[in-house]
Protein backbone atom coordinates (compact mmCIF):
# COMPACT_ATOMS: atom_id res chain seq x y z
CA MET A 1 0.00 0.00 0.00
CA ARG A 2 1.13 3.53 -0.75
CA LEU A 3 0.52 6.30 1.81
CA ILE A 4 0.22 10.03 1.17
CA THR A 5 -0.21 12.75 3.81
CA VAL A 6 -2.09 15.88 2.71
CA ALA A 7 -2.15 18.98 4.90
CA GLY A 8 -2.86 22.66 4.54
CA PRO A 9 -4.52 25.73 6.06
CA PRO A 10 -8.32 25.79 6.50
CA SER A 11 -10.42 26.09 3.32
CA SER A 12 -7.41 25.82 1.02
CA GLY A 13 -9.10 23.12 -1.06
CA LYS A 14 -7.61 19.92 0.38
CA THR A 15 -10.79 17.85 0.06
CA ALA A 16 -11.43 18.97 -3.52
CA VAL A 17 -7.86 18.11 -4.56
CA ILE A 18 -8.00 14.69 -2.88
CA LEU A 19 -11.37 13.96 -4.43
CA HIS A 20 -10.07 14.57 -7.96
CA LEU A 21 -6.82 12.74 -7.19
CA VAL A 22 -8.50 9.59 -5.86
CA GLN A 23 -11.02 9.52 -8.70
CA ALA A 24 -8.16 9.76 -11.21
CA ALA A 25 -6.37 6.92 -9.41
CA GLN A 26 -9.54 4.81 -9.39
CA ALA A 27 -9.89 5.34 -13.13
CA GLU A 28 -6.50 3.65 -13.47
CA GLY A 29 -7.65 0.66 -11.45
CA VAL A 30 -6.18 1.75 -8.09
CA ARG A 31 -8.19 0.85 -4.99
CA ALA A 32 -7.94 3.95 -2.79
CA GLY A 33 -9.32 5.21 0.51
CA VAL A 34 -9.16 8.36 2.61
CA ALA A 35 -8.58 8.92 6.33
CA LYS A 36 -10.01 12.30 7.24
CA PHE A 37 -8.89 14.16 10.38
CA ASP A 38 -10.82 17.18 11.63
CA CYS A 39 -11.45 19.16 14.80
CA ILE A 40 -15.05 19.85 15.83
CA SER A 41 -17.14 18.47 12.98
CA SER A 42 -16.71 17.36 9.38
CA ASP A 43 -19.00 16.92 6.39
CA ASP A 44 -16.16 15.74 4.16
CA GLY A 45 -16.81 12.10 4.93
CA GLU A 46 -20.20 12.37 3.24
CA ILE A 47 -18.58 14.02 0.21
CA TYR A 48 -16.21 11.07 -0.18
CA ARG A 49 -18.99 8.54 0.35
CA ARG A 50 -21.13 10.17 -2.34
CA ALA A 51 -18.16 9.75 -4.67
CA GLN A 52 -17.98 6.07 -3.61
CA ILE A 53 -14.59 6.56 -1.94
CA PRO A 54 -14.06 4.55 1.28
CA VAL A 55 -13.40 6.92 4.18
CA CYS A 56 -12.91 6.92 7.93
CA THR A 57 -13.22 10.14 9.93
CA GLY A 58 -11.66 11.14 13.25
CA LEU A 59 -12.44 14.28 15.28
CA SER A 60 -9.81 15.61 17.67
CA GLY A 61 -12.28 17.64 19.75
CA GLY A 62 -10.37 19.54 22.40
CA LEU A 63 -7.02 18.03 21.44
CA CYS A 64 -4.48 19.49 19.03
CA PRO A 65 -5.43 17.96 15.65
CA ASP A 66 -1.77 17.38 14.79
CA HIS A 67 -1.16 15.38 17.97
CA PHE A 68 -4.42 13.53 17.33
CA PHE A 69 -3.14 12.64 13.87
CA VAL A 70 0.10 11.13 15.19
CA ALA A 71 -1.75 9.15 17.86
CA ASN A 72 -4.03 7.59 15.23
CA ILE A 73 -2.06 7.33 11.99
CA GLU A 74 -0.79 3.84 12.77
CA ASP A 75 -4.36 2.59 13.20
CA CYS A 76 -5.32 4.31 9.93
CA VAL A 77 -2.58 2.41 8.12
CA ALA A 78 -3.80 -0.85 9.66
CA TRP A 79 -7.36 -0.02 8.51
CA GLY A 80 -6.14 0.66 4.99
CA LYS A 81 -4.32 -2.65 4.84
CA ARG A 82 -7.37 -4.54 6.14
CA GLU A 83 -9.47 -2.92 3.42
CA GLY A 84 -6.95 -3.96 0.79
CA PHE A 85 -6.22 -0.45 -0.45
CA ASP A 86 -3.47 0.19 -2.97
CA LEU A 87 -3.42 3.84 -1.90
CA LEU A 88 -4.36 5.55 1.37
CA VAL A 89 -4.58 9.34 1.53
CA THR A 90 -4.73 11.08 4.91
CA GLU A 91 -6.29 14.53 5.04
CA SER A 92 -5.42 16.68 8.01
CA ALA A 93 -7.66 19.20 9.67
CA GLY A 94 -7.07 22.78 8.58
CA LEU A 95 -3.89 23.23 10.56
CA CYS A 96 -2.07 26.22 12.00
CA CYS A 97 1.01 27.35 10.12
CA ARG A 98 3.46 25.79 12.61
CA CYS A 99 2.12 22.22 12.55
CA SER A 100 4.16 19.25 11.39
CA PRO A 101 1.90 16.55 9.93
CA HIS A 102 4.40 14.84 7.60
CA LEU A 103 6.33 11.58 8.08
CA ARG A 104 9.79 10.58 6.92
CA GLY A 105 9.73 8.34 3.89
CA ILE A 106 6.03 9.05 3.21
CA THR A 107 5.04 11.35 0.34
CA ALA A 108 3.95 14.68 1.82
CA VAL A 109 1.63 17.18 0.13
CA CYS A 110 0.80 20.72 1.24
CA VAL A 111 -2.25 22.41 -0.28
CA ILE A 112 -2.26 26.20 -0.20
CA ASP A 113 -4.48 28.67 -2.03
CA VAL A 114 -3.19 31.63 -3.97
CA LEU A 115 -5.76 33.95 -2.36
CA SER A 116 -4.06 33.63 1.02
CA GLY A 117 -1.54 36.30 0.00
CA ILE A 118 1.94 36.34 -1.52
CA ASN A 119 3.61 36.46 1.91
CA THR A 120 1.81 33.36 3.19
CA PRO A 121 4.40 30.77 1.99
CA LYS A 122 7.12 32.24 4.20
CA LYS A 123 4.74 32.22 7.20
CA ILE A 124 4.10 28.48 7.00
CA GLY A 125 6.48 26.14 8.81
CA PRO A 126 7.20 22.41 8.31
CA MET A 127 3.78 21.79 6.77
CA LEU A 128 5.01 23.55 3.61
CA ARG A 129 8.78 23.74 4.01
CA LEU A 130 9.20 19.97 4.33
CA ALA A 131 6.54 18.90 1.83
CA ASP A 132 7.48 16.95 -1.29
CA ILE A 133 4.69 18.48 -3.38
CA VAL A 134 2.95 21.84 -2.97
CA VAL A 135 -0.46 22.09 -4.62
CA VAL A 136 -1.58 25.66 -5.31
CA THR A 137 -5.34 26.11 -5.65
CA LYS A 138 -7.76 28.88 -6.71
CA GLY A 139 -5.31 30.12 -9.33
CA ASP A 140 -8.18 30.59 -11.78
CA ILE A 141 -9.31 33.62 -9.78
CA VAL A 142 -6.09 35.60 -10.22
CA SER A 143 -3.93 36.62 -13.17
CA GLN A 144 -1.09 34.61 -14.67
CA ALA A 145 1.41 37.09 -13.22
CA GLU A 146 -0.01 36.65 -9.72
CA ARG A 147 0.16 32.86 -10.05
CA GLU A 148 3.80 33.05 -11.09
CA VAL A 149 4.71 35.38 -8.22
CA PHE A 150 2.96 33.10 -5.74
CA ALA A 151 4.70 30.01 -7.14
CA PHE A 152 8.03 31.83 -6.84
CA ARG A 153 7.35 32.61 -3.19
CA VAL A 154 6.50 28.93 -2.61
CA SER A 155 9.75 27.85 -4.27
CA ARG A 156 11.73 30.19 -2.03
CA ALA A 157 10.11 28.67 1.05
CA ASN A 158 10.65 25.10 -0.22
CA PRO A 159 13.14 24.85 -3.11
CA ARG A 160 12.92 21.02 -3.20
CA ALA A 161 9.17 20.65 -3.68
CA GLY A 162 7.34 20.15 -6.95
CA ILE A 163 4.70 22.85 -7.45
CA VAL A 164 1.42 21.97 -9.17
CA MET A 165 -1.47 24.30 -9.94
CA VAL A 166 -4.84 22.57 -9.47
CA ASN A 167 -8.37 23.86 -9.95
CA GLY A 168 -10.42 22.26 -7.18
CA LEU A 169 -13.72 22.85 -8.99
CA THR A 170 -12.86 21.41 -12.40
CA GLY A 171 -9.93 19.18 -11.54
CA GLN A 172 -7.68 20.89 -14.07
CA GLY A 173 -4.06 20.13 -13.16
CA ILE A 174 -4.75 16.71 -11.61
CA THR A 175 -3.05 15.03 -14.59
CA ASN A 176 0.20 16.81 -13.66
CA LEU A 177 -0.25 15.81 -10.02
CA MET A 178 -0.82 12.17 -10.95
CA ARG A 179 2.60 12.06 -12.60
CA TYR A 180 4.19 12.44 -9.18
CA PHE A 181 2.01 9.80 -7.56
CA ARG A 182 2.63 7.13 -10.18
CA GLU A 183 6.26 7.11 -9.05
CA ILE A 184 5.51 6.61 -5.35
CA PRO A 185 6.82 3.22 -4.15
CA ASP A 186 4.82 0.94 -1.87
CA MET A 187 5.29 1.45 1.85
CA LYS A 188 7.45 -1.44 3.05
CA SER A 189 6.79 -1.05 6.77
CA PHE A 190 5.22 1.62 8.94
CA GLU A 191 6.95 0.42 12.08
CA GLY A 192 9.50 2.91 13.37
CA SER A 193 8.19 5.82 11.26
CA GLU A 194 9.19 9.31 12.40
CA LEU A 195 7.87 12.82 11.98
CA ARG A 196 9.83 15.03 9.62
CA PHE A 197 9.91 17.77 12.25
CA ALA A 198 9.00 18.10 15.91
CA MET A 199 5.48 19.29 16.67
CA PRO A 200 4.71 22.56 18.47
CA ALA A 201 5.43 22.23 22.18
CA ALA A 202 2.63 22.91 24.64
CA LEU A 203 2.25 21.62 28.17
CA CYS A 204 0.80 24.30 30.37
CA SER A 205 -2.08 24.94 32.76
CA TYR A 206 -4.42 25.69 29.86
CA CYS A 207 -3.63 22.32 28.30
CA LEU A 208 -4.87 20.79 31.53
CA GLY A 209 -8.21 22.63 31.49
CA GLU A 210 -7.44 25.96 33.18
CA THR A 211 -9.74 28.76 31.97
CA ARG A 212 -8.76 31.67 34.22
CA VAL A 213 -6.63 34.37 32.63
CA GLY A 214 -3.59 35.81 34.39
CA THR A 215 0.03 35.07 35.26
CA THR A 216 -1.04 33.59 38.60
CA TYR A 217 -2.73 30.71 36.82
CA GLN A 218 0.00 30.03 34.25
CA ILE A 219 2.39 27.14 34.79
CA GLY A 220 4.42 24.91 32.53
CA ASN A 221 5.57 25.80 29.02
CA VAL A 222 4.58 29.48 28.86
CA ARG A 223 6.16 32.21 26.75
CA HIS A 224 5.51 35.93 27.27
CA MET A 225 5.90 38.73 24.76
CA GLU A 226 8.48 41.46 25.10
CA PHE A 227 7.21 45.01 24.60
CA PRO A 228 9.23 48.11 23.65
CA ARG A 229 10.10 50.38 26.58
CA LYS A 230 10.33 54.13 26.76
CA GLU A 231 13.79 55.63 26.99
CA GLY A 232 15.06 55.46 30.56
CA GLU A 233 12.27 53.12 31.70
CA GLU A 234 13.45 50.36 33.99
CA PRO A 235 12.77 46.75 32.98
């Protein structure tokens, strides 16, 4: 079985890209499924089911969706193998820009939309910087020049990644994306897999359920901002 991790900011078009990708793979005789991770609720499972794509959905609730992903990805792989999939695609929740949802040795995709702004690529951490493929969506809404500038900014943030423009509505560009996936080798063993980068660190009173605001109630891994001081003002 081949495994692909797909991540990206909220509403960047991850589900639409995966839908077109899996349908293209199915047309070539590939048996594929999707493991969908989300936070509070998700209607994406129904979208996949209507397209006759096997799917399992997990909601992280009050937990960090990235940590929830790591705690459950091994079970997702086991599910995919039981179902006899040739290809399993995991779709993350719409993650923050610091998250690290990619695994070593597993093809990693970051989906980002061109409407997010030309400075967005440099604001995104491991999710984009360590991806193998960056899929840029919603390019049909902007000019060719804007698409090229955005792609250049992506390449500066991640010079190693292949960049593919995909229209989530029509599926235009999926043929180019499929060229990458045809070369993905089967996953030999998932045992001992590692994250490509450490996840954001957080173990503080608020992680444990604290709701009161103030330094008195803050313990653990807490970082405070530094503010500019007036000339002569004591620290």
